[in-house]
Amino acid sequence: MEPDVLGPPYERQTIDLGVDDEGPVVATLVRRRAERPTGRAVLYVHGFVDYFFQTHLADFFAERGWDFYALDLRKYGRSLLAHQTPNFCQDVNDYFSELDAAVEIIRSDDGHDTLLAMGHSTGGLIMSLWADARRDAGTIDGLVLNSPFFDFNASWAVRRPIAAAAARLGRRAPHRIVPLGLGSVYGESLHADHRGEWTYDLAWKPLAGFPVRAGWLDAIRTGQRRLRAGLNIQVPVLVACSTRSFRSSKWHENATLADTVLDVEHMVRYAPRLGRHVTLARFDGGLHDLTLSGPAVRGQVLDEVGRWAEAFLAAGPTAPADPAPTDLAPADRTGATAND
């Protein structure tokens, strides 16, 4: 491990993934150790146009004895190399190799016996498919999905026939840009330079996102179809999302109280298809990344995750190792910072 851009106590390790058609490929595992470790660990995976910067999430677990790990997937954040197309993939299964490598480090090298996996948005889709593929290997002990990307937030015509046509294009011209994207409303609701509370690297997480390419669309659509057909994840799953969505290309104050990226009703509809043991939790006023919601809501989210982990992983993060009250706002370091 070497020092991370977030500064102490964060460290990072580069995972060599060989080469693909663009050249060398790496992933990056970030670690934040607990002062009083308990043998438990969390592995967190970000969403699309994203990377790990949510230090308050890591602090929440570390204060309760859980070592926290976050994986910047290939071509995202710390792992994005100069010759690469940002956030691009042609098969969701490609990410399984860095997830497997991260688990090997966490369990074998660092000696953890309990592992909670957490995935946000696209990371939630990826980790769901990976957990299903590794269901007989005892890889993880629980899975938390923060606003998972089960379907595209668009009309039926865009989600099905138009997306199918774009996906076919992806097989012929994978790098072709398609007219889909995040827009800037979500970024404005987050970043402190606009209307939000957080400071993060806009080179790694641009306000209006990166271009959506046909090959990526095909990969995500294929993964979503597999998930909606039904998985058989063996460990307990918590699906968490907002109570409502807001879809507009123009700013409105409602964007600060809703999921402005995905349709939360898709998450509710498809959650039962993950496995036999699924819990659903909805948060009024939650943003797309629930952990970046306003202070009261993100406090509720963390409390719920703690209670759920206590119930289903035998011993969850219910109270800090230090009896002092926990400050849910992140510390002032490079990465996520509350704009007080």
Protein backbone atom coordinates (compact mmCIF):
# COMPACT_ATOMS: atom_id res chain seq x y z
CA MET A 1 0.00 0.00 0.00
CA GLU A 2 1.07 3.58 -0.72
CA PRO A 3 -0.39 6.95 0.39
CA ASP A 4 -3.69 7.86 -1.26
CA VAL A 5 -4.79 11.25 -2.60
CA LEU A 6 -7.17 11.50 0.36
CA GLY A 7 -4.22 11.61 2.74
CA PRO A 8 -3.79 9.66 5.99
CA PRO A 9 -5.26 7.31 7.09
CA TYR A 10 -6.08 6.35 3.48
CA GLU A 11 -3.76 4.06 1.52
CA ARG A 12 -4.06 2.56 -1.93
CA GLN A 13 -2.81 -0.42 -3.88
CA THR A 14 -2.71 -0.73 -7.66
CA ILE A 15 -4.03 -3.99 -9.09
CA ASP A 16 -2.46 -4.95 -12.44
CA LEU A 17 -5.13 -6.29 -14.81
CA GLY A 18 -2.95 -6.87 -17.87
CA VAL A 19 -3.87 -5.24 -21.18
CA ASP A 20 -6.92 -4.76 -23.35
CA ASP A 21 -7.42 -3.22 -26.80
CA GLU A 22 -6.50 0.23 -25.42
CA GLY A 23 -3.35 -0.88 -23.59
CA PRO A 24 -2.44 -1.52 -19.93
CA VAL A 25 -5.31 -1.78 -17.45
CA VAL A 26 -5.31 -1.29 -13.67
CA ALA A 27 -7.75 -1.03 -10.79
CA THR A 28 -7.08 0.72 -7.47
CA LEU A 29 -7.96 -0.54 -4.00
CA VAL A 30 -8.19 2.16 -1.32
CA ARG A 31 -7.95 1.15 2.34
CA ARG A 32 -8.89 2.91 5.57
CA ARG A 33 -8.05 0.81 8.59
CA ALA A 34 -9.99 0.90 11.86
CA GLU A 35 -8.04 1.80 14.98
CA ARG A 36 -9.50 -1.26 16.72
CA PRO A 37 -10.07 -3.85 13.98
CA THR A 38 -12.61 -6.62 14.50
CA GLY A 39 -11.86 -8.93 11.59
CA ARG A 40 -14.69 -7.35 9.59
CA ALA A 41 -14.33 -5.38 6.39
CA VAL A 42 -16.39 -3.47 3.83
CA LEU A 43 -15.72 -3.45 0.08
CA TYR A 44 -17.32 -0.46 -1.65
CA VAL A 45 -17.75 0.06 -5.41
CA HIS A 46 -18.77 3.41 -6.95
CA GLY A 47 -21.20 4.19 -9.77
CA PHE A 48 -20.85 5.50 -13.34
CA VAL A 49 -18.97 8.83 -13.69
CA ASP A 50 -17.75 8.30 -10.14
CA TYR A 51 -14.90 7.24 -7.88
CA PHE A 52 -14.42 6.79 -4.14
CA PHE A 53 -14.34 10.05 -2.20
CA GLN A 54 -17.07 9.49 0.42
CA THR A 55 -14.75 9.59 3.43
CA HIS A 56 -17.63 9.97 5.90
CA LEU A 57 -18.87 6.51 4.82
CA ALA A 58 -15.45 5.00 5.52
CA ASP A 59 -15.27 6.82 8.86
CA PHE A 60 -18.66 5.44 9.87
CA PHE A 61 -17.46 1.87 9.50
CA ALA A 62 -13.90 2.41 10.77
CA GLU A 63 -15.20 3.96 13.99
CA ARG A 64 -17.11 0.72 14.54
CA GLY A 65 -14.14 -1.59 14.00
CA TRP A 66 -14.62 -2.35 10.30
CA ASP A 67 -11.67 -1.89 7.94
CA PHE A 68 -13.00 -0.06 4.89
CA TYR A 69 -11.91 -0.76 1.32
CA ALA A 70 -13.07 1.01 -1.84
CA LEU A 71 -12.34 -0.15 -5.36
CA ASP A 72 -11.91 2.33 -8.20
CA LEU A 73 -12.74 0.08 -11.14
CA ARG A 74 -10.69 0.03 -14.33
CA LYS A 75 -10.90 3.31 -16.29
CA TYR A 76 -12.50 5.14 -13.36
CA GLY A 77 -11.00 7.71 -10.99
CA ARG A 78 -7.58 6.70 -9.69
CA SER A 79 -7.48 3.85 -12.23
CA LEU A 80 -8.09 5.99 -15.33
CA LEU A 81 -4.96 6.07 -17.49
CA ALA A 82 -4.14 8.65 -20.14
CA HIS A 83 -4.66 6.27 -23.09
CA GLN A 84 -8.08 5.02 -21.91
CA THR A 85 -11.69 5.90 -22.71
CA PRO A 86 -13.16 7.04 -19.37
CA ASN A 87 -15.55 4.60 -17.65
CA PHE A 88 -15.73 2.35 -20.72
CA CYS A 89 -16.33 -1.39 -20.84
CA GLN A 90 -17.83 -3.86 -23.30
CA ASP A 91 -18.71 -6.61 -20.81
CA VAL A 92 -19.73 -6.14 -17.16
CA ASN A 93 -18.07 -9.47 -16.39
CA ASP A 94 -14.69 -7.83 -17.05
CA TYR A 95 -14.97 -6.15 -13.66
CA PHE A 96 -15.14 -9.49 -11.86
CA SER A 97 -11.36 -9.91 -12.06
CA GLU A 98 -10.62 -6.78 -9.99
CA LEU A 99 -13.40 -7.65 -7.54
CA ASP A 100 -11.89 -11.11 -7.09
CA ALA A 101 -8.43 -9.59 -6.65
CA ALA A 102 -9.74 -7.13 -4.05
CA VAL A 103 -11.37 -9.94 -2.08
CA GLU A 104 -8.12 -11.92 -2.16
CA ILE A 105 -6.30 -8.94 -0.63
CA ILE A 106 -8.99 -8.31 1.98
CA ARG A 107 -9.50 -11.91 3.07
CA SER A 108 -6.17 -13.64 2.47
CA ASP A 109 -3.59 -10.86 2.73
CA ASP A 110 -5.28 -8.75 5.41
CA GLY A 111 -7.00 -11.63 7.21
CA HIS A 112 -10.65 -10.56 7.43
CA ASP A 113 -13.27 -13.20 8.14
CA THR A 114 -16.43 -11.13 7.48
CA LEU A 115 -16.92 -9.09 4.31
CA LEU A 116 -19.80 -6.75 3.55
CA ALA A 117 -20.00 -5.64 -0.10
CA MET A 118 -21.53 -2.28 -1.01
CA GLY A 119 -22.33 -1.06 -4.52
CA HIS A 120 -23.72 2.28 -5.69
CA SER A 121 -25.69 2.68 -8.94
CA THR A 122 -23.72 0.95 -11.73
CA GLY A 123 -21.56 -0.54 -8.99
CA GLY A 124 -24.76 -2.01 -7.54
CA LEU A 125 -25.54 -3.72 -10.85
CA ILE A 126 -21.98 -5.01 -11.19
CA MET A 127 -21.78 -6.32 -7.63
CA SER A 128 -25.19 -8.00 -7.89
CA LEU A 129 -24.10 -9.95 -10.97
CA TRP A 130 -20.73 -10.75 -9.37
CA ALA A 131 -22.33 -11.90 -6.10
CA ASP A 132 -24.61 -14.20 -8.09
CA ALA A 133 -21.70 -15.59 -10.11
CA ARG A 134 -19.71 -16.24 -6.89
CA ARG A 135 -22.68 -17.44 -4.85
CA ASP A 136 -21.17 -20.84 -4.04
CA ALA A 137 -17.70 -19.54 -3.18
CA GLY A 138 -18.44 -17.82 0.15
CA THR A 139 -16.91 -14.65 -1.24
CA ILE A 140 -19.05 -12.14 0.68
CA ASP A 141 -21.34 -12.29 3.70
CA GLY A 142 -23.80 -9.54 2.80
CA LEU A 143 -24.57 -7.04 0.05
CA VAL A 144 -25.81 -3.45 0.34
CA LEU A 145 -27.05 -1.74 -2.83
CA ASN A 146 -27.27 2.05 -2.80
CA SER A 147 -29.67 3.14 -5.60
CA PRO A 148 -28.70 0.26 -7.92
CA PHE A 149 -28.85 0.64 -11.71
CA PHE A 150 -31.45 -1.98 -12.60
CA ASP A 151 -32.88 -0.13 -15.62
CA PHE A 152 -32.48 3.10 -17.57
CA ASN A 153 -34.44 6.13 -16.41
CA ALA A 154 -36.31 6.80 -19.65
CA SER A 155 -39.56 6.06 -21.43
CA TRP A 156 -40.35 2.48 -22.46
CA ALA A 157 -39.49 3.26 -26.09
CA VAL A 158 -36.03 4.52 -25.12
CA ARG A 159 -35.42 1.70 -22.61
CA ARG A 160 -36.40 -1.10 -24.98
CA PRO A 161 -36.46 -0.67 -28.83
CA ILE A 162 -34.20 2.38 -29.00
CA ALA A 163 -31.74 1.00 -26.45
CA ALA A 164 -31.76 -2.34 -28.29
CA ALA A 165 -30.84 -0.58 -31.54
CA ALA A 166 -28.07 1.37 -29.80
CA ALA A 167 -26.80 -1.85 -28.22
CA ARG A 168 -26.58 -3.51 -31.64
CA LEU A 169 -24.53 -0.53 -32.78
CA GLY A 170 -22.27 -1.17 -29.81
CA ARG A 171 -21.25 -4.53 -31.21
CA ARG A 172 -20.15 -2.95 -34.50
CA ALA A 173 -18.85 0.41 -33.29
CA PRO A 174 -18.37 0.17 -29.51
CA HIS A 175 -16.79 3.61 -29.10
CA ARG A 176 -19.56 5.44 -30.95
CA ILE A 177 -21.13 8.12 -28.73
CA VAL A 178 -24.89 7.76 -28.27
CA PRO A 179 -27.23 10.64 -27.31
CA LEU A 180 -27.72 9.59 -23.70
CA GLY A 181 -26.15 11.15 -20.66
CA LEU A 182 -26.50 12.33 -17.10
CA GLY A 183 -26.91 16.03 -17.74
CA SER A 184 -25.67 18.47 -15.12
CA VAL A 185 -28.57 18.58 -12.64
CA TYR A 186 -27.24 15.78 -10.44
CA GLY A 187 -23.73 17.21 -10.43
CA GLU A 188 -25.09 20.63 -9.50
CA SER A 189 -26.99 19.12 -6.59
CA LEU A 190 -23.74 17.64 -5.22
CA HIS A 191 -20.80 19.93 -5.85
CA ALA A 192 -20.02 22.78 -3.48
CA ASP A 193 -19.11 25.11 -6.36
CA HIS A 194 -22.74 24.91 -7.51
CA ARG A 195 -25.72 24.00 -5.30
CA GLY A 196 -24.33 21.11 -3.28
CA GLU A 197 -22.32 20.27 -0.19
CA TRP A 198 -19.39 18.25 -1.50
CA THR A 199 -15.98 18.89 -3.02
CA TYR A 200 -14.45 16.25 -5.28
CA ASP A 201 -12.24 15.94 -8.36
CA LEU A 202 -14.21 17.15 -11.39
CA ALA A 203 -11.68 15.53 -13.73
CA TRP A 204 -12.73 12.13 -12.38
CA LYS A 205 -16.38 13.02 -11.79
CA PRO A 206 -17.34 15.77 -14.28
CA LEU A 207 -20.44 17.78 -13.58
CA ALA A 208 -22.20 16.61 -16.76
CA GLY A 209 -20.52 13.20 -16.88
CA PHE A 210 -18.58 11.46 -19.65
CA PRO A 211 -20.04 10.59 -23.06
CA VAL A 212 -22.10 7.40 -23.17
CA ARG A 213 -20.71 4.99 -25.76
CA ALA A 214 -22.56 2.27 -27.60
CA GLY A 215 -20.37 -0.58 -26.34
CA TRP A 216 -20.90 0.47 -22.72
CA LEU A 217 -24.65 0.73 -23.33
CA ASP A 218 -24.69 -2.80 -24.74
CA ALA A 219 -22.71 -4.13 -21.75
CA ILE A 220 -24.99 -2.48 -19.18
CA ARG A 221 -28.17 -3.48 -21.00
CA THR A 222 -26.99 -7.10 -21.18
CA GLY A 223 -26.20 -7.12 -17.48
CA GLN A 224 -29.54 -5.57 -16.59
CA ARG A 225 -31.43 -8.15 -18.63
CA ARG A 226 -29.63 -10.93 -16.77
CA LEU A 227 -30.53 -9.36 -13.44
CA ARG A 228 -34.17 -8.77 -14.32
CA ALA A 229 -34.48 -12.40 -15.43
CA GLY A 230 -33.68 -13.34 -11.83
CA LEU A 231 -30.53 -13.99 -9.82
CA ASN A 232 -29.89 -16.36 -6.93
CA ILE A 233 -27.66 -14.38 -4.56
CA GLN A 234 -27.22 -16.50 -1.44
CA VAL A 235 -26.30 -13.81 1.09
CA PRO A 236 -28.70 -11.23 2.60
CA VAL A 237 -29.19 -8.15 0.42
CA LEU A 238 -30.25 -4.64 1.42
CA VAL A 239 -31.60 -2.47 -1.41
CA ALA A 240 -31.75 1.22 -0.43
CA CYS A 241 -33.18 4.05 -2.51
CA SER A 242 -35.00 7.35 -2.35
CA THR A 243 -38.79 7.59 -2.12
CA ARG A 244 -39.02 9.50 -5.39
CA SER A 245 -37.25 10.43 -8.62
CA PHE A 246 -36.91 13.76 -10.39
CA ARG A 247 -36.16 13.84 -14.11
CA SER A 248 -35.43 17.14 -15.81
CA SER A 249 -32.63 18.77 -17.77
CA LYS A 250 -33.26 22.04 -15.93
CA TRP A 251 -32.50 22.86 -12.32
CA HIS A 252 -35.28 22.76 -9.73
CA GLU A 253 -35.09 22.69 -5.94
CA ASN A 254 -36.72 19.22 -6.03
CA ALA A 255 -33.37 17.93 -7.30
CA THR A 256 -32.02 18.27 -3.75
CA LEU A 257 -34.64 15.84 -2.38
CA ALA A 258 -34.86 13.07 -4.97
CA ASP A 259 -32.97 10.66 -7.20
CA THR A 260 -32.23 12.72 -10.33
CA VAL A 261 -30.41 9.88 -12.15
CA LEU A 262 -32.53 6.72 -11.96
CA ASP A 263 -36.18 5.74 -11.52
CA VAL A 264 -36.50 4.47 -7.95
CA GLU A 265 -39.57 2.42 -8.87
CA HIS A 266 -37.35 0.23 -11.06
CA MET A 267 -35.26 -0.55 -7.97
CA VAL A 268 -38.36 -1.46 -5.98
CA ARG A 269 -39.76 -3.57 -8.82
CA TYR A 270 -36.65 -5.64 -9.47
CA ALA A 271 -35.23 -5.97 -5.94
CA PRO A 272 -37.07 -9.28 -5.28
CA ARG A 273 -35.32 -10.81 -8.30
CA LEU A 274 -31.91 -10.63 -6.62
CA GLY A 275 -32.41 -13.62 -4.35
CA ARG A 276 -34.53 -15.07 -1.56
CA HIS A 277 -33.39 -12.75 1.22
CA VAL A 278 -33.85 -9.12 0.21
CA THR A 279 -34.66 -6.13 2.42
CA LEU A 280 -35.90 -2.84 0.91
CA ALA A 281 -35.33 0.51 2.63
CA ARG A 282 -36.53 3.85 1.20
CA PHE A 283 -35.47 7.29 2.38
CA ASP A 284 -37.55 10.42 1.97
CA GLY A 285 -35.38 13.21 0.58
CA GLY A 286 -32.60 10.86 -0.50
CA LEU A 287 -30.32 11.74 -3.43
CA HIS A 288 -29.13 9.23 -6.01
CA ASP A 289 -26.09 8.51 -3.87
CA LEU A 290 -27.92 8.22 -0.59
CA THR A 291 -24.71 8.77 1.38
CA LEU A 292 -24.42 12.25 -0.19
CA SER A 293 -27.93 13.29 0.84
CA GLY A 294 -28.52 16.07 3.35
CA PRO A 295 -27.15 15.48 6.87
CA ALA A 296 -30.40 14.16 8.38
CA VAL A 297 -31.08 11.74 5.53
CA ARG A 298 -27.54 10.40 5.28
CA GLY A 299 -27.60 9.87 9.04
CA GLN A 300 -30.74 7.76 8.62
CA VAL A 301 -29.10 5.81 5.80
CA LEU A 302 -26.01 4.97 7.84
CA ASP A 303 -28.10 4.05 10.88
CA GLU A 304 -30.22 1.70 8.76
CA VAL A 305 -27.17 0.03 7.22
CA GLY A 306 -25.77 -0.44 10.73
CA ARG A 307 -28.95 -2.03 12.05
CA TRP A 308 -29.27 -4.26 8.99
CA ALA A 309 -25.67 -5.46 9.31
CA GLU A 310 -26.22 -6.22 13.00
CA ALA A 311 -29.29 -8.29 12.18
CA PHE A 312 -27.97 -10.24 9.20
CA LEU A 313 -24.18 -10.39 9.57
CA ALA A 314 -24.27 -11.49 13.24
CA ALA A 315 -22.38 -8.42 14.45
CA GLY A 316 -22.90 -5.14 12.67
CA PRO A 317 -21.54 -1.61 13.00
CA THR A 318 -23.97 -0.42 15.65
CA ALA A 319 -21.80 1.72 17.93
CA PRO A 320 -18.42 3.41 17.54
CA ALA A 321 -15.43 1.83 19.25
CA ASP A 322 -14.87 5.25 20.79
CA PRO A 323 -17.96 6.23 22.82
CA ALA A 324 -17.71 9.83 21.57
CA PRO A 325 -20.54 10.89 19.24
CA THR A 326 -19.97 10.30 15.54
CA ASP A 327 -19.82 13.33 13.23
CA LEU A 328 -21.49 12.30 9.99
CA ALA A 329 -19.88 15.18 8.09
CA PRO A 330 -16.58 14.27 6.38
CA ALA A 331 -13.29 15.63 7.63
CA ASP A 332 -11.50 18.43 5.80
CA ARG A 333 -9.20 16.50 3.47
CA THR A 334 -8.75 16.09 -0.25
CA GLY A 335 -11.85 14.28 -1.50
CA ALA A 336 -15.36 14.78 -0.15
CA THR A 337 -15.71 17.74 2.16
CA ALA A 338 -18.80 19.27 3.67
CA ASN A 339 -19.24 22.86 2.65
CA ASP A 340 -20.03 24.46 5.99
